[in-house]
Structure formats: C-alpha cells, structure tokens
Amino acid sequence: MEEYVVYVLYSEKYNIHYTGYTGNLIARFASHNSLSEKGFTKKYRPWAVVHVEFCNSKREAIVREKFLKRCAGRAFLKNLLSTV
C-alpha cells in the first residue's frame, strides 16, 4: 500500500502558506523550492515544511487536504502558523 502525505508549506518572507498532498514529500518539496519553473509556489520561495500528516490512501489525503483548505481547516492552520 502506498502512503500519502498532506503537507503545509510556509513562506516566512511572504507570510503565506500552501497546502498539498503527495506520495513523495522529499521530491515534491524540492519541486516547490527549486525545480518547478512555473506555478503558484514558485512566486513565494523559499518554503519551509511546517506541518505533515500521513494518510493511508490517496483518497484520505485528498479529503484531508480539502478540509485544511476550508474554513475549519484554515482556522487550524492559522493556529498552527501562529507558533512558527
């Protein structure tokens, strides 16, 4: 069974966060910080990983990512990021 990770990145320079999911956090983090030539995260480099949740399936990761992007999830992240 493949494991998925829901992650939150934070750009201290721009005071912005980004939430996503992946099956390979190390490669995805490298993509966000240096490899990607385009996209949202390129504009706000450098990023730091501030939160990681392991999920048992891709579906579980997608559901959790969507939660973190909605109102209750944003409140959770605001509280989390207030300690960064």
PDB file of N, CA and C in Angstrom:
ATOM      1  N   MET A   1       0.845  -1.180   0.000  1.00  0.00           N
ATOM      2  CA  MET A   1       0.000   0.000   0.000  1.00  0.00           C
ATOM      3  C   MET A   1       0.894   1.249   0.000  1.00  0.00           C
ATOM      4  N   GLU A   2       0.577   2.179  -0.861  1.00  0.00           N
ATOM      5  CA  GLU A   2       1.350   3.416  -0.955  1.00  0.00           C
ATOM      6  C   GLU A   2       0.852   4.409   0.093  1.00  0.00           C
ATOM      7  N   GLU A   3       1.781   5.095   0.725  1.00  0.00           N
ATOM      8  CA  GLU A   3       1.429   6.077   1.744  1.00  0.00           C
ATOM      9  C   GLU A   3       1.455   7.470   1.140  1.00  0.00           C
ATOM     10  N   TYR A   4       0.490   8.280   1.513  1.00  0.00           N
ATOM     11  CA  TYR A   4       0.412   9.661   1.057  1.00  0.00           C
ATOM     12  C   TYR A   4       0.591  10.596   2.229  1.00  0.00           C
ATOM     13  N   VAL A   5       1.032  11.798   1.910  1.00  0.00           N
ATOM     14  CA  VAL A   5       1.301  12.807   2.920  1.00  0.00           C
ATOM     15  C   VAL A   5       0.562  14.087   2.546  1.00  0.00           C
ATOM     16  N   VAL A   6      -0.127  14.667   3.520  1.00  0.00           N
ATOM     17  CA  VAL A   6      -0.688  16.006   3.374  1.00  0.00           C
ATOM     18  C   VAL A   6       0.307  16.924   4.053  1.00  0.00           C
ATOM     19  N   TYR A   7       0.666  18.008   3.387  1.00  0.00           N
ATOM     20  CA  TYR A   7       1.703  18.877   3.932  1.00  0.00           C
ATOM     21  C   TYR A   7       1.281  20.340   3.837  1.00  0.00           C
ATOM     22  N   VAL A   8       1.871  21.132   4.720  1.00  0.00           N
ATOM     23  CA  VAL A   8       1.668  22.575   4.693  1.00  0.00           C
ATOM     24  C   VAL A   8       3.046  23.213   4.614  1.00  0.00           C
ATOM     25  N   LEU A   9       3.203  24.059   3.612  1.00  0.00           N
ATOM     26  CA  LEU A   9       4.434  24.830   3.450  1.00  0.00           C
ATOM     27  C   LEU A   9       4.164  26.250   3.915  1.00  0.00           C
ATOM     28  N   TYR A  10       5.205  26.900   4.402  1.00  0.00           N
ATOM     29  CA  TYR A  10       5.065  28.293   4.836  1.00  0.00           C
ATOM     30  C   TYR A  10       6.229  29.101   4.289  1.00  0.00           C
ATOM     31  N   SER A  11       5.893  30.267   3.718  1.00  0.00           N
ATOM     32  CA  SER A  11       6.902  31.203   3.247  1.00  0.00           C
ATOM     33  C   SER A  11       6.959  32.367   4.240  1.00  0.00           C
ATOM     34  N   GLU A  12       7.995  32.379   5.038  1.00  0.00           N
ATOM     35  CA  GLU A  12       8.142  33.444   6.040  1.00  0.00           C
ATOM     36  C   GLU A  12       8.321  34.799   5.360  1.00  0.00           C
ATOM     37  N   LYS A  13       9.042  34.820   4.260  1.00  0.00           N
ATOM     38  CA  LYS A  13       9.301  36.060   3.535  1.00  0.00           C
ATOM     39  C   LYS A  13       8.004  36.744   3.101  1.00  0.00           C
ATOM     40  N   TYR A  14       7.013  35.953   2.684  1.00  0.00           N
ATOM     41  CA  TYR A  14       5.753  36.499   2.180  1.00  0.00           C
ATOM     42  C   TYR A  14       4.575  36.265   3.125  1.00  0.00           C
ATOM     43  N   ASN A  15       4.810  35.588   4.250  1.00  0.00           N
ATOM     44  CA  ASN A  15       3.766  35.274   5.235  1.00  0.00           C
ATOM     45  C   ASN A  15       2.556  34.608   4.570  1.00  0.00           C
ATOM     46  N   ILE A  16       2.823  33.544   3.835  1.00  0.00           N
ATOM     47  CA  ILE A  16       1.779  32.818   3.116  1.00  0.00           C
ATOM     48  C   ILE A  16       2.018  31.325   3.278  1.00  0.00           C
ATOM     49  N   HIS A  17       0.922  30.556   3.254  1.00  0.00           N
ATOM     50  CA  HIS A  17       1.070  29.104   3.348  1.00  0.00           C
ATOM     51  C   HIS A  17       0.451  28.437   2.131  1.00  0.00           C
ATOM     52  N   TYR A  18       0.854  27.184   1.928  1.00  0.00           N
ATOM     53  CA  TYR A  18       0.374  26.378   0.815  1.00  0.00           C
ATOM     54  C   TYR A  18       0.133  24.969   1.331  1.00  0.00           C
ATOM     55  N   THR A  19      -1.005  24.399   0.985  1.00  0.00           N
ATOM     56  CA  THR A  19      -1.359  23.053   1.412  1.00  0.00           C
ATOM     57  C   THR A  19      -1.462  22.140   0.195  1.00  0.00           C
ATOM     58  N   GLY A  20      -0.907  20.950   0.310  1.00  0.00           N
ATOM     59  CA  GLY A  20      -0.980  19.984  -0.779  1.00  0.00           C
ATOM     60  C   GLY A  20      -0.851  18.567  -0.267  1.00  0.00           C
ATOM     61  N   TYR A  21      -0.866  17.618  -1.190  1.00  0.00           N
ATOM     62  CA  TYR A  21      -0.641  16.222  -0.824  1.00  0.00           C
ATOM     63  C   TYR A  21       0.247  15.579  -1.876  1.00  0.00           C
ATOM     64  N   THR A  22       0.922  14.515  -1.485  1.00  0.00           N
ATOM     65  CA  THR A  22       1.846  13.846  -2.388  1.00  0.00           C
ATOM     66  C   THR A  22       2.141  12.437  -1.894  1.00  0.00           C
ATOM     67  N   GLY A  23       2.691  11.647  -2.766  1.00  0.00           N
ATOM     68  CA  GLY A  23       3.184  10.320  -2.403  1.00  0.00           C
ATOM     69  C   GLY A  23       4.679  10.331  -2.128  1.00  0.00           C
ATOM     70  N   ASN A  24       5.340  11.484  -2.396  1.00  0.00           N
ATOM     71  CA  ASN A  24       6.785  11.604  -2.191  1.00  0.00           C
ATOM     72  C   ASN A  24       7.102  13.028  -1.731  1.00  0.00           C
ATOM     73  N   LEU A  25       7.118  13.234  -0.430  1.00  0.00           N
ATOM     74  CA  LEU A  25       7.282  14.576   0.123  1.00  0.00           C
ATOM     75  C   LEU A  25       8.624  15.203  -0.244  1.00  0.00           C
ATOM     76  N   ILE A  26       9.686  14.441  -0.205  1.00  0.00           N
ATOM     77  CA  ILE A  26      11.018  14.990  -0.490  1.00  0.00           C
ATOM     78  C   ILE A  26      11.078  15.542  -1.912  1.00  0.00           C
ATOM     79  N   ALA A  27      10.618  14.758  -2.883  1.00  0.00           N
ATOM     80  CA  ALA A  27      10.643  15.212  -4.276  1.00  0.00           C
ATOM     81  C   ALA A  27       9.706  16.396  -4.484  1.00  0.00           C
ATOM     82  N   ARG A  28       8.538  16.360  -3.841  1.00  0.00           N
ATOM     83  CA  ARG A  28       7.572  17.453  -4.011  1.00  0.00           C
ATOM     84  C   ARG A  28       8.114  18.734  -3.385  1.00  0.00           C
ATOM     85  N   PHE A  29       8.746  18.635  -2.233  1.00  0.00           N
ATOM     86  CA  PHE A  29       9.334  19.806  -1.585  1.00  0.00           C
ATOM     87  C   PHE A  29      10.427  20.408  -2.461  1.00  0.00           C
ATOM     88  N   ALA A  30      11.262  19.569  -3.057  1.00  0.00           N
ATOM     89  CA  ALA A  30      12.301  20.057  -3.972  1.00  0.00           C
ATOM     90  C   ALA A  30      11.675  20.762  -5.156  1.00  0.00           C
ATOM     91  N   SER A  31      10.578  20.230  -5.648  1.00  0.00           N
ATOM     92  CA  SER A  31       9.869  20.857  -6.770  1.00  0.00           C
ATOM     93  C   SER A  31       9.367  22.246  -6.379  1.00  0.00           C
ATOM     94  N   HIS A  32       8.769  22.359  -5.222  1.00  0.00           N
ATOM     95  CA  HIS A  32       8.244  23.651  -4.772  1.00  0.00           C
ATOM     96  C   HIS A  32       9.359  24.672  -4.564  1.00  0.00           C
ATOM     97  N   ASN A  33      10.488  24.229  -4.045  1.00  0.00           N
ATOM     98  CA  ASN A  33      11.543  25.173  -3.676  1.00  0.00           C
ATOM     99  C   ASN A  33      12.549  25.480  -4.772  1.00  0.00           C
ATOM    100  N   SER A  34      12.698  24.604  -5.764  1.00  0.00           N
ATOM    101  CA  SER A  34      13.736  24.894  -6.751  1.00  0.00           C
ATOM    102  C   SER A  34      13.491  24.337  -8.146  1.00  0.00           C
ATOM    103  N   LEU A  35      12.846  23.202  -8.277  1.00  0.00           N
ATOM    104  CA  LEU A  35      12.749  22.562  -9.576  1.00  0.00           C
ATOM    105  C   LEU A  35      11.661  23.130 -10.485  1.00  0.00           C
ATOM    106  N   SER A  36      10.543  23.508  -9.892  1.00  0.00           N
ATOM    107  CA  SER A  36       9.405  23.964 -10.679  1.00  0.00           C
ATOM    108  C   SER A  36       9.715  25.273 -11.406  1.00  0.00           C
ATOM    109  N   GLU A  37       9.342  25.319 -12.671  1.00  0.00           N
ATOM    110  CA  GLU A  37       9.581  26.504 -13.497  1.00  0.00           C
ATOM    111  C   GLU A  37       8.386  27.449 -13.508  1.00  0.00           C
ATOM    112  N   LYS A  38       7.215  26.953 -13.061  1.00  0.00           N
ATOM    113  CA  LYS A  38       6.022  27.789 -13.067  1.00  0.00           C
ATOM    114  C   LYS A  38       5.093  27.352 -11.950  1.00  0.00           C
ATOM    115  N   GLY A  39       4.059  28.113 -11.726  1.00  0.00           N
ATOM    116  CA  GLY A  39       3.062  27.761 -10.723  1.00  0.00           C
ATOM    117  C   GLY A  39       3.062  28.700  -9.537  1.00  0.00           C
ATOM    118  N   PHE A  40       2.063  28.522  -8.693  1.00  0.00           N
ATOM    119  CA  PHE A  40       1.844  29.379  -7.531  1.00  0.00           C
ATOM    120  C   PHE A  40       3.047  29.407  -6.596  1.00  0.00           C
ATOM    121  N   THR A  41       3.591  28.256  -6.274  1.00  0.00           N
ATOM    122  CA  THR A  41       4.625  28.201  -5.244  1.00  0.00           C
ATOM    123  C   THR A  41       5.951  28.810  -5.687  1.00  0.00           C
ATOM    124  N   LYS A  42       6.181  28.911  -6.981  1.00  0.00           N
ATOM    125  CA  LYS A  42       7.438  29.499  -7.464  1.00  0.00           C
ATOM    126  C   LYS A  42       7.581  30.957  -7.017  1.00  0.00           C
ATOM    127  N   LYS A  43       6.467  31.674  -6.970  1.00  0.00           N
ATOM    128  CA  LYS A  43       6.476  33.106  -6.653  1.00  0.00           C
ATOM    129  C   LYS A  43       6.845  33.406  -5.207  1.00  0.00           C
ATOM    130  N   TYR A  44       6.678  32.433  -4.320  1.00  0.00           N
ATOM    131  CA  TYR A  44       6.801  32.711  -2.885  1.00  0.00           C
ATOM    132  C   TYR A  44       7.938  31.956  -2.209  1.00  0.00           C
ATOM    133  N   ARG A  45       8.929  31.550  -2.958  1.00  0.00           N
ATOM    134  CA  ARG A  45      10.089  30.853  -2.399  1.00  0.00           C
ATOM    135  C   ARG A  45      10.885  31.774  -1.497  1.00  0.00           C
ATOM    136  N   PRO A  46      11.551  31.255  -0.491  1.00  0.00           N
ATOM    137  CA  PRO A  46      11.706  29.852  -0.102  1.00  0.00           C
ATOM    138  C   PRO A  46      10.557  29.381   0.796  1.00  0.00           C
ATOM    139  N   TRP A  47      10.310  28.084   0.767  1.00  0.00           N
ATOM    140  CA  TRP A  47       9.279  27.440   1.562  1.00  0.00           C
ATOM    141  C   TRP A  47       9.912  26.577   2.654  1.00  0.00           C
ATOM    142  N   ALA A  48       9.190  26.455   3.754  1.00  0.00           N
ATOM    143  CA  ALA A  48       9.572  25.528   4.827  1.00  0.00           C
ATOM    144  C   ALA A  48       8.378  24.619   5.093  1.00  0.00           C
ATOM    145  N   VAL A  49       8.620  23.359   5.349  1.00  0.00           N
ATOM    146  CA  VAL A  49       7.549  22.437   5.721  1.00  0.00           C
ATOM    147  C   VAL A  49       7.229  22.689   7.194  1.00  0.00           C
ATOM    148  N   VAL A  50       5.975  23.053   7.484  1.00  0.00           N
ATOM    149  CA  VAL A  50       5.600  23.347   8.866  1.00  0.00           C
ATOM    150  C   VAL A  50       4.614  22.341   9.447  1.00  0.00           C
ATOM    151  N   HIS A  51       4.045  21.487   8.582  1.00  0.00           N
ATOM    152  CA  HIS A  51       3.077  20.505   9.077  1.00  0.00           C
ATOM    153  C   HIS A  51       2.999  19.345   8.093  1.00  0.00           C
ATOM    154  N   VAL A  52       2.946  18.128   8.620  1.00  0.00           N
ATOM    155  CA  VAL A  52       2.853  16.915   7.801  1.00  0.00           C
ATOM    156  C   VAL A  52       1.872  15.964   8.478  1.00  0.00           C
ATOM    157  N   GLU A  53       0.980  15.372   7.676  1.00  0.00           N
ATOM    158  CA  GLU A  53       0.067  14.338   8.163  1.00  0.00           C
ATOM    159  C   GLU A  53       0.162  13.152   7.219  1.00  0.00           C
ATOM    160  N   PHE A  54       0.361  11.961   7.757  1.00  0.00           N
ATOM    161  CA  PHE A  54       0.448  10.749   6.951  1.00  0.00           C
ATOM    162  C   PHE A  54      -0.938  10.139   6.796  1.00  0.00           C
ATOM    163  N   CYS A  55      -1.254   9.722   5.584  1.00  0.00           N
ATOM    164  CA  CYS A  55      -2.554   9.129   5.268  1.00  0.00           C
ATOM    165  C   CYS A  55      -2.347   7.739   4.677  1.00  0.00           C
ATOM    166  N   ASN A  56      -3.351   6.884   4.829  1.00  0.00           N
ATOM    167  CA  ASN A  56      -3.256   5.505   4.361  1.00  0.00           C
ATOM    168  C   ASN A  56      -3.644   5.326   2.904  1.00  0.00           C
ATOM    169  N   SER A  57      -4.250   6.357   2.307  1.00  0.00           N
ATOM    170  CA  SER A  57      -4.667   6.246   0.905  1.00  0.00           C
ATOM    171  C   SER A  57      -4.680   7.627   0.259  1.00  0.00           C
ATOM    172  N   LYS A  58      -4.681   7.619  -1.055  1.00  0.00           N
ATOM    173  CA  LYS A  58      -4.761   8.875  -1.799  1.00  0.00           C
ATOM    174  C   LYS A  58      -6.082   9.571  -1.488  1.00  0.00           C
ATOM    175  N   ARG A  59      -7.151   8.818  -1.440  1.00  0.00           N
ATOM    176  CA  ARG A  59      -8.468   9.402  -1.143  1.00  0.00           C
ATOM    177  C   ARG A  59      -8.471  10.089   0.220  1.00  0.00           C
ATOM    178  N   GLU A  60      -7.907   9.435   1.216  1.00  0.00           N
ATOM    179  CA  GLU A  60      -7.831  10.015   2.565  1.00  0.00           C
ATOM    180  C   GLU A  60      -7.030  11.320   2.531  1.00  0.00           C
ATOM    181  N   ALA A  61      -5.941  11.340   1.781  1.00  0.00           N
ATOM    182  CA  ALA A  61      -5.112  12.542   1.666  1.00  0.00           C
ATOM    183  C   ALA A  61      -5.881  13.675   0.989  1.00  0.00           C
ATOM    184  N   ILE A  62      -6.625  13.356  -0.055  1.00  0.00           N
ATOM    185  CA  ILE A  62      -7.406  14.380  -0.759  1.00  0.00           C
ATOM    186  C   ILE A  62      -8.475  14.968   0.160  1.00  0.00           C
ATOM    187  N   VAL A  63      -9.151  14.117   0.903  1.00  0.00           N
ATOM    188  CA  VAL A  63     -10.186  14.581   1.835  1.00  0.00           C
ATOM    189  C   VAL A  63      -9.575  15.496   2.896  1.00  0.00           C
ATOM    190  N   ARG A  64      -8.435  15.100   3.430  1.00  0.00           N
ATOM    191  CA  ARG A  64      -7.783  15.914   4.473  1.00  0.00           C
ATOM    192  C   ARG A  64      -7.287  17.240   3.908  1.00  0.00           C
ATOM    193  N   GLU A  65      -6.711  17.204   2.702  1.00  0.00           N
ATOM    194  CA  GLU A  65      -6.251  18.438   2.066  1.00  0.00           C
ATOM    195  C   GLU A  65      -7.425  19.393   1.855  1.00  0.00           C
ATOM    196  N   LYS A  66      -8.537  18.884   1.374  1.00  0.00           N
ATOM    197  CA  LYS A  66      -9.722  19.731   1.157  1.00  0.00           C
ATOM    198  C   LYS A  66     -10.219  20.314   2.468  1.00  0.00           C
ATOM    199  N   PHE A  67     -10.187  19.515   3.543  1.00  0.00           N
ATOM    200  CA  PHE A  67     -10.583  20.034   4.851  1.00  0.00           C
ATOM    201  C   PHE A  67      -9.695  21.204   5.259  1.00  0.00           C
ATOM    202  N   LEU A  68      -8.394  21.049   5.111  1.00  0.00           N
ATOM    203  CA  LEU A  68      -7.463  22.100   5.533  1.00  0.00           C
ATOM    204  C   LEU A  68      -7.616  23.381   4.713  1.00  0.00           C
ATOM    205  N   LYS A  69      -8.184  23.264   3.537  1.00  0.00           N
ATOM    206  CA  LYS A  69      -8.386  24.437   2.685  1.00  0.00           C
ATOM    207  C   LYS A  69      -9.728  25.126   2.941  1.00  0.00           C
ATOM    208  N   ARG A  70     -10.603  24.495   3.741  1.00  0.00           N
ATOM    209  CA  ARG A  70     -11.894  25.094   4.075  1.00  0.00           C
ATOM    210  C   ARG A  70     -11.795  25.848   5.398  1.00  0.00           C
ATOM    211  N   CYS A  71     -12.898  26.426   5.814  1.00  0.00           N
ATOM    212  CA  CYS A  71     -12.941  27.326   6.977  1.00  0.00           C
ATOM    213  C   CYS A  71     -12.339  26.721   8.245  1.00  0.00           C
ATOM    214  N   ALA A  72     -12.812  25.560   8.672  1.00  0.00           N
ATOM    215  CA  ALA A  72     -12.306  24.954   9.911  1.00  0.00           C
ATOM    216  C   ALA A  72     -10.827  24.593   9.776  1.00  0.00           C
ATOM    217  N   GLY A  73     -10.448  24.135   8.612  1.00  0.00           N
ATOM    218  CA  GLY A  73      -9.044  23.805   8.374  1.00  0.00           C
ATOM    219  C   GLY A  73      -8.162  25.033   8.370  1.00  0.00           C
ATOM    220  N   ARG A  74      -8.657  26.121   7.806  1.00  0.00           N
ATOM    221  CA  ARG A  74      -7.887  27.372   7.808  1.00  0.00           C
ATOM    222  C   ARG A  74      -7.691  27.876   9.234  1.00  0.00           C
ATOM    223  N   ALA A  75      -8.708  27.705  10.090  1.00  0.00           N
ATOM    224  CA  ALA A  75      -8.575  28.098  11.499  1.00  0.00           C
ATOM    225  C   ALA A  75      -7.503  27.249  12.174  1.00  0.00           C
ATOM    226  N   PHE A  76      -7.493  25.945  11.894  1.00  0.00           N
ATOM    227  CA  PHE A  76      -6.467  25.052  12.426  1.00  0.00           C
ATOM    228  C   PHE A  76      -5.082  25.516  11.978  1.00  0.00           C
ATOM    229  N   LEU A  77      -4.952  25.844  10.688  1.00  0.00           N
ATOM    230  CA  LEU A  77      -3.658  26.274  10.152  1.00  0.00           C
ATOM    231  C   LEU A  77      -3.242  27.629  10.716  1.00  0.00           C
ATOM    232  N   LYS A  78      -4.195  28.522  10.917  1.00  0.00           N
ATOM    233  CA  LYS A  78      -3.876  29.833  11.490  1.00  0.00           C
ATOM    234  C   LYS A  78      -3.280  29.654  12.875  1.00  0.00           C
ATOM    235  N   ASN A  79      -3.889  28.781  13.673  1.00  0.00           N
ATOM    236  CA  ASN A  79      -3.374  28.487  14.999  1.00  0.00           C
ATOM    237  C   ASN A  79      -1.995  27.839  14.914  1.00  0.00           C
ATOM    238  N   LEU A  80      -1.837  26.901  13.997  1.00  0.00           N
ATOM    239  CA  LEU A  80      -0.557  26.235  13.792  1.00  0.00           C
ATOM    240  C   LEU A  80       0.526  27.227  13.406  1.00  0.00           C
ATOM    241  N   LEU A  81       0.207  28.101  12.450  1.00  0.00           N
ATOM    242  CA  LEU A  81       1.203  29.038  11.947  1.00  0.00           C
ATOM    243  C   LEU A  81       1.504  30.172  12.913  1.00  0.00           C
ATOM    244  N   SER A  82       0.637  30.390  13.888  1.00  0.00           N
ATOM    245  CA  SER A  82       0.908  31.445  14.883  1.00  0.00           C
ATOM    246  C   SER A  82       2.096  31.077  15.754  1.00  0.00           C
ATOM    247  N   THR A  83       2.489  29.803  15.734  1.00  0.00           N
ATOM    248  CA  THR A  83       3.632  29.363  16.531  1.00  0.00           C
ATOM    249  C   THR A  83       4.919  29.296  15.716  1.00  0.00           C
ATOM    250  N   VAL A  84       4.820  29.566  14.419  1.00  0.00           N
ATOM    251  CA  VAL A  84       6.006  29.495  13.536  1.00  0.00           C
ATOM    252  C   VAL A  84       6.798  30.766  13.628  1.00  0.00           C
TER     253      VAL A  84
END
